[in-house]
Amino acid sequence: MSLSQLLPQLIAGNLLTPIPPRPLTDPLPKNHNPNARCEYHTGMIGHWTDRCSNLKHRVQDLIAKELLKFEVSEDNPNVMQNPLPDHVKREGN
């Protein structure tokens, strides 16, 4: 799930609130993209929601505090439920 898909759910669940955009610096950062908008920064131009480092850190904080958990789906591979077989060590390797 991308951050842009997750953000509306976090807002609806009252786990996050969009923050005001930061003022642009002069000169603009090297990675500034005038076509990109960040919904976490209330539509700020300069970076995409999916690349927002502030949002990534906030989501990681929610995971660390166990306020946000991701369920494992039966459709997705899971090494805990279906581990790879032990590798057999061959002679000469």
PDB file of N, CA and C in Angstrom:
ATOM      1  N   MET A   1       0.855  -1.172   0.000  1.00  0.00           N
ATOM      2  CA  MET A   1       0.000   0.000   0.000  1.00  0.00           C
ATOM      3  C   MET A   1       0.898   1.231   0.000  1.00  0.00           C
ATOM      4  N   SER A   2       0.588   2.162  -0.859  1.00  0.00           N
ATOM      5  CA  SER A   2       1.396   3.381  -0.955  1.00  0.00           C
ATOM      6  C   SER A   2       0.977   4.375   0.130  1.00  0.00           C
ATOM      7  N   LEU A   3       1.844   5.329   0.399  1.00  0.00           N
ATOM      8  CA  LEU A   3       1.527   6.367   1.387  1.00  0.00           C
ATOM      9  C   LEU A   3       0.330   7.198   0.956  1.00  0.00           C
ATOM     10  N   SER A   4       0.198   7.452  -0.343  1.00  0.00           N
ATOM     11  CA  SER A   4      -0.946   8.237  -0.819  1.00  0.00           C
ATOM     12  C   SER A   4      -2.252   7.474  -0.649  1.00  0.00           C
ATOM     13  N   GLN A   5      -2.217   6.153  -0.646  1.00  0.00           N
ATOM     14  CA  GLN A   5      -3.409   5.351  -0.370  1.00  0.00           C
ATOM     15  C   GLN A   5      -3.676   5.256   1.124  1.00  0.00           C
ATOM     16  N   LEU A   6      -2.628   5.217   1.915  1.00  0.00           N
ATOM     17  CA  LEU A   6      -2.747   5.068   3.360  1.00  0.00           C
ATOM     18  C   LEU A   6      -3.177   6.359   4.045  1.00  0.00           C
ATOM     19  N   LEU A   7      -2.715   7.495   3.554  1.00  0.00           N
ATOM     20  CA  LEU A   7      -2.974   8.781   4.213  1.00  0.00           C
ATOM     21  C   LEU A   7      -4.458   9.047   4.459  1.00  0.00           C
ATOM     22  N   PRO A   8      -5.353   8.893   3.474  1.00  0.00           N
ATOM     23  CA  PRO A   8      -6.770   9.160   3.757  1.00  0.00           C
ATOM     24  C   PRO A   8      -7.341   8.269   4.872  1.00  0.00           C
ATOM     25  N   GLN A   9      -6.856   7.035   4.958  1.00  0.00           N
ATOM     26  CA  GLN A   9      -7.321   6.135   6.005  1.00  0.00           C
ATOM     27  C   GLN A   9      -6.818   6.577   7.379  1.00  0.00           C
ATOM     28  N   LEU A  10      -5.588   7.061   7.438  1.00  0.00           N
ATOM     29  CA  LEU A  10      -5.037   7.546   8.709  1.00  0.00           C
ATOM     30  C   LEU A  10      -5.758   8.809   9.165  1.00  0.00           C
ATOM     31  N   ILE A  11      -6.115   9.658   8.208  1.00  0.00           N
ATOM     32  CA  ILE A  11      -6.858  10.880   8.546  1.00  0.00           C
ATOM     33  C   ILE A  11      -8.255  10.515   9.036  1.00  0.00           C
ATOM     34  N   ALA A  12      -8.927   9.609   8.324  1.00  0.00           N
ATOM     35  CA  ALA A  12     -10.282   9.191   8.710  1.00  0.00           C
ATOM     36  C   ALA A  12     -10.288   8.523  10.084  1.00  0.00           C
ATOM     37  N   GLY A  13      -9.206   7.815  10.417  1.00  0.00           N
ATOM     38  CA  GLY A  13      -9.097   7.158  11.712  1.00  0.00           C
ATOM     39  C   GLY A  13      -8.546   8.045  12.808  1.00  0.00           C
ATOM     40  N   ASN A  14      -8.384   9.329  12.527  1.00  0.00           N
ATOM     41  CA  ASN A  14      -7.856  10.306  13.482  1.00  0.00           C
ATOM     42  C   ASN A  14      -6.468   9.943  14.004  1.00  0.00           C
ATOM     43  N   LEU A  15      -5.677   9.281  13.166  1.00  0.00           N
ATOM     44  CA  LEU A  15      -4.310   8.963  13.556  1.00  0.00           C
ATOM     45  C   LEU A  15      -3.321  10.016  13.064  1.00  0.00           C
ATOM     46  N   LEU A  16      -3.688  10.729  12.005  1.00  0.00           N
ATOM     47  CA  LEU A  16      -2.858  11.799  11.465  1.00  0.00           C
ATOM     48  C   LEU A  16      -3.737  12.948  11.018  1.00  0.00           C
ATOM     49  N   THR A  17      -3.163  14.120  11.032  1.00  0.00           N
ATOM     50  CA  THR A  17      -3.806  15.325  10.512  1.00  0.00           C
ATOM     51  C   THR A  17      -2.834  15.970   9.533  1.00  0.00           C
ATOM     52  N   PRO A  18      -3.300  16.366   8.350  1.00  0.00           N
ATOM     53  CA  PRO A  18      -2.396  17.056   7.434  1.00  0.00           C
ATOM     54  C   PRO A  18      -1.785  18.282   8.113  1.00  0.00           C
ATOM     55  N   ILE A  19      -0.550  18.568   7.752  1.00  0.00           N
ATOM     56  CA  ILE A  19       0.144  19.689   8.373  1.00  0.00           C
ATOM     57  C   ILE A  19       0.277  20.825   7.361  1.00  0.00           C
ATOM     58  N   PRO A  20       0.442  22.061   7.837  1.00  0.00           N
ATOM     59  CA  PRO A  20       0.585  23.181   6.904  1.00  0.00           C
ATOM     60  C   PRO A  20       1.873  23.054   6.104  1.00  0.00           C
ATOM     61  N   PRO A  21       1.850  23.552   4.882  1.00  0.00           N
ATOM     62  CA  PRO A  21       3.059  23.476   4.062  1.00  0.00           C
ATOM     63  C   PRO A  21       4.187  24.307   4.654  1.00  0.00           C
ATOM     64  N   ARG A  22       5.396  23.839   4.428  1.00  0.00           N
ATOM     65  CA  ARG A  22       6.575  24.593   4.863  1.00  0.00           C
ATOM     66  C   ARG A  22       6.845  25.689   3.848  1.00  0.00           C
ATOM     67  N   PRO A  23       7.396  26.804   4.279  1.00  0.00           N
ATOM     68  CA  PRO A  23       7.762  27.841   3.305  1.00  0.00           C
ATOM     69  C   PRO A  23       8.898  27.339   2.417  1.00  0.00           C
ATOM     70  N   LEU A  24       8.848  27.712   1.155  1.00  0.00           N
ATOM     71  CA  LEU A  24       9.897  27.316   0.228  1.00  0.00           C
ATOM     72  C   LEU A  24      11.163  28.102   0.523  1.00  0.00           C
ATOM     73  N   THR A  25      12.279  27.434   0.382  1.00  0.00           N
ATOM     74  CA  THR A  25      13.570  28.084   0.612  1.00  0.00           C
ATOM     75  C   THR A  25      14.087  28.650  -0.701  1.00  0.00           C
ATOM     76  N   ASP A  26      14.984  29.597  -0.567  1.00  0.00           N
ATOM     77  CA  ASP A  26      15.609  30.174  -1.748  1.00  0.00           C
ATOM     78  C   ASP A  26      17.107  29.969  -1.606  1.00  0.00           C
ATOM     79  N   PRO A  27      17.737  29.205  -2.414  1.00  0.00           N
ATOM     80  CA  PRO A  27      17.228  28.560  -3.625  1.00  0.00           C
ATOM     81  C   PRO A  27      16.390  27.330  -3.272  1.00  0.00           C
ATOM     82  N   LEU A  28      15.613  26.868  -4.244  1.00  0.00           N
ATOM     83  CA  LEU A  28      14.784  25.686  -4.057  1.00  0.00           C
ATOM     84  C   LEU A  28      15.667  24.459  -3.868  1.00  0.00           C
ATOM     85  N   PRO A  29      15.191  23.470  -3.096  1.00  0.00           N
ATOM     86  CA  PRO A  29      15.981  22.239  -2.941  1.00  0.00           C
ATOM     87  C   PRO A  29      16.217  21.573  -4.296  1.00  0.00           C
ATOM     88  N   LYS A  30      17.303  20.822  -4.403  1.00  0.00           N
ATOM     89  CA  LYS A  30      17.655  20.166  -5.657  1.00  0.00           C
ATOM     90  C   LYS A  30      16.566  19.205  -6.128  1.00  0.00           C
ATOM     91  N   ASN A  31      15.880  18.578  -5.176  1.00  0.00           N
ATOM     92  CA  ASN A  31      14.861  17.590  -5.543  1.00  0.00           C
ATOM     93  C   ASN A  31      13.465  18.207  -5.677  1.00  0.00           C
ATOM     94  N   HIS A  32      13.349  19.524  -5.673  1.00  0.00           N
ATOM     95  CA  HIS A  32      12.049  20.195  -5.798  1.00  0.00           C
ATOM     96  C   HIS A  32      11.435  19.876  -7.163  1.00  0.00           C
ATOM     97  N   ASN A  33      10.171  19.461  -7.137  1.00  0.00           N
ATOM     98  CA  ASN A  33       9.445  19.131  -8.366  1.00  0.00           C
ATOM     99  C   ASN A  33       8.211  20.030  -8.430  1.00  0.00           C
ATOM    100  N   PRO A  34       8.167  20.996  -9.333  1.00  0.00           N
ATOM    101  CA  PRO A  34       7.043  21.921  -9.403  1.00  0.00           C
ATOM    102  C   PRO A  34       5.729  21.257  -9.816  1.00  0.00           C
ATOM    103  N   ASN A  35       5.791  20.019 -10.289  1.00  0.00           N
ATOM    104  CA  ASN A  35       4.581  19.302 -10.687  1.00  0.00           C
ATOM    105  C   ASN A  35       4.046  18.378  -9.600  1.00  0.00           C
ATOM    106  N   ALA A  36       4.792  18.246  -8.516  1.00  0.00           N
ATOM    107  CA  ALA A  36       4.428  17.298  -7.456  1.00  0.00           C
ATOM    108  C   ALA A  36       3.689  18.006  -6.321  1.00  0.00           C
ATOM    109  N   ARG A  37       2.712  17.301  -5.759  1.00  0.00           N
ATOM    110  CA  ARG A  37       1.958  17.824  -4.617  1.00  0.00           C
ATOM    111  C   ARG A  37       1.943  16.787  -3.496  1.00  0.00           C
ATOM    112  N   CYS A  38       2.019  17.274  -2.270  1.00  0.00           N
ATOM    113  CA  CYS A  38       1.981  16.403  -1.100  1.00  0.00           C
ATOM    114  C   CYS A  38       0.708  16.685  -0.312  1.00  0.00           C
ATOM    115  N   GLU A  39      -0.145  15.691  -0.221  1.00  0.00           N
ATOM    116  CA  GLU A  39      -1.403  15.862   0.504  1.00  0.00           C
ATOM    117  C   GLU A  39      -1.183  15.907   2.014  1.00  0.00           C
ATOM    118  N   TYR A  40      -0.105  15.318   2.520  1.00  0.00           N
ATOM    119  CA  TYR A  40       0.184  15.413   3.950  1.00  0.00           C
ATOM    120  C   TYR A  40       0.562  16.845   4.323  1.00  0.00           C
ATOM    121  N   HIS A  41       1.226  17.543   3.404  1.00  0.00           N
ATOM    122  CA  HIS A  41       1.573  18.951   3.611  1.00  0.00           C
ATOM    123  C   HIS A  41       0.511  19.860   2.994  1.00  0.00           C
ATOM    124  N   THR A  42      -0.732  19.459   3.074  1.00  0.00           N
ATOM    125  CA  THR A  42      -1.885  20.251   2.621  1.00  0.00           C
ATOM    126  C   THR A  42      -1.707  20.758   1.190  1.00  0.00           C
ATOM    127  N   GLY A  43      -1.290  19.858   0.303  1.00  0.00           N
ATOM    128  CA  GLY A  43      -1.179  20.204  -1.106  1.00  0.00           C
ATOM    129  C   GLY A  43       0.070  20.968  -1.483  1.00  0.00           C
ATOM    130  N   MET A  44       1.074  20.965  -0.633  1.00  0.00           N
ATOM    131  CA  MET A  44       2.311  21.693  -0.913  1.00  0.00           C
ATOM    132  C   MET A  44       2.945  21.197  -2.215  1.00  0.00           C
ATOM    133  N   ILE A  45       3.419  22.113  -3.004  1.00  0.00           N
ATOM    134  CA  ILE A  45       4.103  21.782  -4.248  1.00  0.00           C
ATOM    135  C   ILE A  45       5.582  21.554  -3.944  1.00  0.00           C
ATOM    136  N   GLY A  46       6.149  20.524  -4.542  1.00  0.00           N
ATOM    137  CA  GLY A  46       7.577  20.285  -4.375  1.00  0.00           C
ATOM    138  C   GLY A  46       7.939  18.817  -4.279  1.00  0.00           C
ATOM    139  N   HIS A  47       7.056  18.004  -3.694  1.00  0.00           N
ATOM    140  CA  HIS A  47       7.322  16.561  -3.616  1.00  0.00           C
ATOM    141  C   HIS A  47       5.990  15.817  -3.585  1.00  0.00           C
ATOM    142  N   TRP A  48       6.049  14.538  -3.954  1.00  0.00           N
ATOM    143  CA  TRP A  48       4.855  13.701  -3.969  1.00  0.00           C
ATOM    144  C   TRP A  48       4.571  13.164  -2.575  1.00  0.00           C
ATOM    145  N   THR A  49       3.308  12.890  -2.305  1.00  0.00           N
ATOM    146  CA  THR A  49       2.901  12.298  -1.031  1.00  0.00           C
ATOM    147  C   THR A  49       3.659  10.997  -0.783  1.00  0.00           C
ATOM    148  N   ASP A  50       3.810  10.176  -1.813  1.00  0.00           N
ATOM    149  CA  ASP A  50       4.486   8.889  -1.650  1.00  0.00           C
ATOM    150  C   ASP A  50       5.975   9.027  -1.335  1.00  0.00           C
ATOM    151  N   ARG A  51       6.540  10.204  -1.552  1.00  0.00           N
ATOM    152  CA  ARG A  51       7.960  10.422  -1.265  1.00  0.00           C
ATOM    153  C   ARG A  51       8.179  11.367  -0.084  1.00  0.00           C
ATOM    154  N   CYS A  52       7.150  11.626   0.665  1.00  0.00           N
ATOM    155  CA  CYS A  52       7.232  12.574   1.782  1.00  0.00           C
ATOM    156  C   CYS A  52       7.950  11.936   2.968  1.00  0.00           C
ATOM    157  N   SER A  53       9.138  12.423   3.281  1.00  0.00           N
ATOM    158  CA  SER A  53       9.908  11.839   4.382  1.00  0.00           C
ATOM    159  C   SER A  53       9.228  12.089   5.721  1.00  0.00           C
ATOM    160  N   ASN A  54       8.575  13.236   5.899  1.00  0.00           N
ATOM    161  CA  ASN A  54       7.865  13.492   7.160  1.00  0.00           C
ATOM    162  C   ASN A  54       6.748  12.478   7.363  1.00  0.00           C
ATOM    163  N   LEU A  55       6.001  12.189   6.313  1.00  0.00           N
ATOM    164  CA  LEU A  55       4.907  11.222   6.410  1.00  0.00           C
ATOM    165  C   LEU A  55       5.456   9.822   6.678  1.00  0.00           C
ATOM    166  N   LYS A  56       6.552   9.471   6.034  1.00  0.00           N
ATOM    167  CA  LYS A  56       7.160   8.160   6.277  1.00  0.00           C
ATOM    168  C   LYS A  56       7.537   8.008   7.749  1.00  0.00           C
ATOM    169  N   HIS A  57       8.111   9.045   8.329  1.00  0.00           N
ATOM    170  CA  HIS A  57       8.507   9.000   9.746  1.00  0.00           C
ATOM    171  C   HIS A  57       7.287   8.909  10.658  1.00  0.00           C
ATOM    172  N   ARG A  58       6.228   9.639  10.338  1.00  0.00           N
ATOM    173  CA  ARG A  58       5.002   9.599  11.149  1.00  0.00           C
ATOM    174  C   ARG A  58       4.365   8.212  11.101  1.00  0.00           C
ATOM    175  N   VAL A  59       4.344   7.590   9.917  1.00  0.00           N
ATOM    176  CA  VAL A  59       3.801   6.238   9.792  1.00  0.00           C
ATOM    177  C   VAL A  59       4.661   5.264  10.583  1.00  0.00           C
ATOM    178  N   GLN A  60       5.978   5.408  10.503  1.00  0.00           N
ATOM    179  CA  GLN A  60       6.863   4.534  11.270  1.00  0.00           C
ATOM    180  C   GLN A  60       6.637   4.708  12.767  1.00  0.00           C
ATOM    181  N   ASP A  61       6.407   5.940  13.222  1.00  0.00           N
ATOM    182  CA  ASP A  61       6.094   6.184  14.635  1.00  0.00           C
ATOM    183  C   ASP A  61       4.815   5.481  15.045  1.00  0.00           C
ATOM    184  N   LEU A  62       3.794   5.526  14.192  1.00  0.00           N
ATOM    185  CA  LEU A  62       2.524   4.853  14.494  1.00  0.00           C
ATOM    186  C   LEU A  62       2.706   3.341  14.579  1.00  0.00           C
ATOM    187  N   ILE A  63       3.543   2.796  13.721  1.00  0.00           N
ATOM    188  CA  ILE A  63       3.833   1.362  13.760  1.00  0.00           C
ATOM    189  C   ILE A  63       4.580   1.021  15.048  1.00  0.00           C
ATOM    190  N   ALA A  64       5.574   1.827  15.404  1.00  0.00           N
ATOM    191  CA  ALA A  64       6.365   1.582  16.617  1.00  0.00           C
ATOM    192  C   ALA A  64       5.503   1.653  17.874  1.00  0.00           C
ATOM    193  N   LYS A  65       4.520   2.538  17.878  1.00  0.00           N
ATOM    194  CA  LYS A  65       3.617   2.671  19.029  1.00  0.00           C
ATOM    195  C   LYS A  65       2.472   1.663  18.978  1.00  0.00           C
ATOM    196  N   GLU A  66       2.494   0.803  17.962  1.00  0.00           N
ATOM    197  CA  GLU A  66       1.482  -0.222  17.732  1.00  0.00           C
ATOM    198  C   GLU A  66       0.081   0.361  17.565  1.00  0.00           C
ATOM    199  N   LEU A  67       0.017   1.582  17.044  1.00  0.00           N
ATOM    200  CA  LEU A  67      -1.270   2.186  16.705  1.00  0.00           C
ATOM    201  C   LEU A  67      -1.664   1.848  15.275  1.00  0.00           C
ATOM    202  N   LEU A  68      -0.699   1.352  14.510  1.00  0.00           N
ATOM    203  CA  LEU A  68      -0.928   0.976  13.124  1.00  0.00           C
ATOM    204  C   LEU A  68      -0.295  -0.388  12.907  1.00  0.00           C
ATOM    205  N   LYS A  69      -1.117  -1.322  12.441  1.00  0.00           N
ATOM    206  CA  LYS A  69      -0.639  -2.674  12.163  1.00  0.00           C
ATOM    207  C   LYS A  69      -1.128  -3.082  10.787  1.00  0.00           C
ATOM    208  N   PHE A  70      -0.333  -3.874  10.126  1.00  0.00           N
ATOM    209  CA  PHE A  70      -0.706  -4.389   8.822  1.00  0.00           C
ATOM    210  C   PHE A  70      -0.970  -5.879   8.958  1.00  0.00           C
ATOM    211  N   GLU A  71      -2.113  -6.307   8.475  1.00  0.00           N
ATOM    212  CA  GLU A  71      -2.493  -7.708   8.522  1.00  0.00           C
ATOM    213  C   GLU A  71      -1.847  -8.450   7.359  1.00  0.00           C
ATOM    214  N   VAL A  72      -1.480  -9.675   7.599  1.00  0.00           N
ATOM    215  CA  VAL A  72      -0.925 -10.509   6.548  1.00  0.00           C
ATOM    216  C   VAL A  72      -2.088 -11.155   5.812  1.00  0.00           C
ATOM    217  N   SER A  73      -2.071 -11.013   4.515  1.00  0.00           N
ATOM    218  CA  SER A  73      -3.123 -11.588   3.678  1.00  0.00           C
ATOM    219  C   SER A  73      -2.699 -12.966   3.206  1.00  0.00           C
ATOM    220  N   GLU A  74      -3.665 -13.853   3.073  1.00  0.00           N
ATOM    221  CA  GLU A  74      -3.376 -15.186   2.556  1.00  0.00           C
ATOM    222  C   GLU A  74      -2.890 -15.129   1.110  1.00  0.00           C
ATOM    223  N   ASP A  75      -3.237 -14.038   0.409  1.00  0.00           N
ATOM    224  CA  ASP A  75      -2.859 -13.907  -1.000  1.00  0.00           C
ATOM    225  C   ASP A  75      -1.398 -13.513  -1.181  1.00  0.00           C
ATOM    226  N   ASN A  76      -0.798 -12.939  -0.139  1.00  0.00           N
ATOM    227  CA  ASN A  76       0.580 -12.475  -0.236  1.00  0.00           C
ATOM    228  C   ASN A  76       1.532 -13.520   0.326  1.00  0.00           C
ATOM    229  N   PRO A  77       2.697 -13.685  -0.295  1.00  0.00           N
ATOM    230  CA  PRO A  77       3.679 -14.618   0.248  1.00  0.00           C
ATOM    231  C   PRO A  77       4.122 -14.192   1.645  1.00  0.00           C
ATOM    232  N   ASN A  78       4.369 -15.151   2.499  1.00  0.00           N
ATOM    233  CA  ASN A  78       4.768 -14.872   3.865  1.00  0.00           C
ATOM    234  C   ASN A  78       5.795 -15.913   4.274  1.00  0.00           C
ATOM    235  N   VAL A  79       7.019 -15.490   4.530  1.00  0.00           N
ATOM    236  CA  VAL A  79       8.074 -16.438   4.873  1.00  0.00           C
ATOM    237  C   VAL A  79       7.873 -17.063   6.248  1.00  0.00           C
ATOM    238  N   MET A  80       7.056 -16.456   7.097  1.00  0.00           N
ATOM    239  CA  MET A  80       6.805 -17.048   8.416  1.00  0.00           C
ATOM    240  C   MET A  80       5.832 -18.228   8.293  1.00  0.00           C
ATOM    241  N   GLN A  81       4.861 -18.121   7.409  1.00  0.00           N
ATOM    242  CA  GLN A  81       3.886 -19.194   7.229  1.00  0.00           C
ATOM    243  C   GLN A  81       4.346 -20.214   6.197  1.00  0.00           C
ATOM    244  N   ASN A  82       5.198 -19.815   5.273  1.00  0.00           N
ATOM    245  CA  ASN A  82       5.659 -20.686   4.208  1.00  0.00           C
ATOM    246  C   ASN A  82       7.145 -20.436   3.981  1.00  0.00           C
ATOM    247  N   PRO A  83       7.991 -20.867   4.940  1.00  0.00           N
ATOM    248  CA  PRO A  83       9.415 -20.562   4.811  1.00  0.00           C
ATOM    249  C   PRO A  83      10.055 -21.329   3.670  1.00  0.00           C
ATOM    250  N   LEU A  84      11.164 -20.782   3.202  1.00  0.00           N
ATOM    251  CA  LEU A  84      11.933 -21.472   2.181  1.00  0.00           C
ATOM    252  C   LEU A  84      12.560 -22.717   2.794  1.00  0.00           C
ATOM    253  N   PRO A  85      12.720 -23.761   2.009  1.00  0.00           N
ATOM    254  CA  PRO A  85      13.365 -24.964   2.565  1.00  0.00           C
ATOM    255  C   PRO A  85      14.823 -24.671   2.897  1.00  0.00           C
ATOM    256  N   ASP A  86      15.362 -25.462   3.822  1.00  0.00           N
ATOM    257  CA  ASP A  86      16.773 -25.323   4.155  1.00  0.00           C
ATOM    258  C   ASP A  86      17.606 -25.612   2.925  1.00  0.00           C
ATOM    259  N   HIS A  87      18.668 -24.843   2.763  1.00  0.00           N
ATOM    260  CA  HIS A  87      19.578 -25.075   1.649  1.00  0.00           C
ATOM    261  C   HIS A  87      20.544 -26.186   2.022  1.00  0.00           C
ATOM    262  N   VAL A  88      20.717 -27.095   1.117  1.00  0.00           N
ATOM    263  CA  VAL A  88      21.637 -28.198   1.333  1.00  0.00           C
ATOM    264  C   VAL A  88      23.011 -27.755   0.857  1.00  0.00           C
ATOM    265  N   LYS A  89      23.968 -27.851   1.743  1.00  0.00           N
ATOM    266  CA  LYS A  89      25.325 -27.443   1.376  1.00  0.00           C
ATOM    267  C   LYS A  89      25.973 -28.589   0.606  1.00  0.00           C
ATOM    268  N   ARG A  90      26.390 -28.281  -0.595  1.00  0.00           N
ATOM    269  CA  ARG A  90      27.021 -29.280  -1.445  1.00  0.00           C
ATOM    270  C   ARG A  90      28.522 -29.267  -1.226  1.00  0.00           C
ATOM    271  N   GLU A  91      29.104 -30.405  -1.437  1.00  0.00           N
ATOM    272  CA  GLU A  91      30.553 -30.505  -1.306  1.00  0.00           C
ATOM    273  C   GLU A  91      31.212 -29.655  -2.372  1.00  0.00           C
ATOM    274  N   GLY A  92      32.260 -28.991  -2.001  1.00  0.00           N
ATOM    275  CA  GLY A  92      32.992 -28.158  -2.948  1.00  0.00           C
ATOM    276  C   GLY A  92      32.494 -26.729  -3.001  1.00  0.00           C
ATOM    277  N   ASN A  93      31.426 -26.402  -2.292  1.00  0.00           N
ATOM    278  CA  ASN A  93      30.898 -25.029  -2.281  1.00  0.00           C
ATOM    279  C   ASN A  93      31.123 -24.390  -0.954  1.00  0.00           C
TER     280      ASN A  93
END
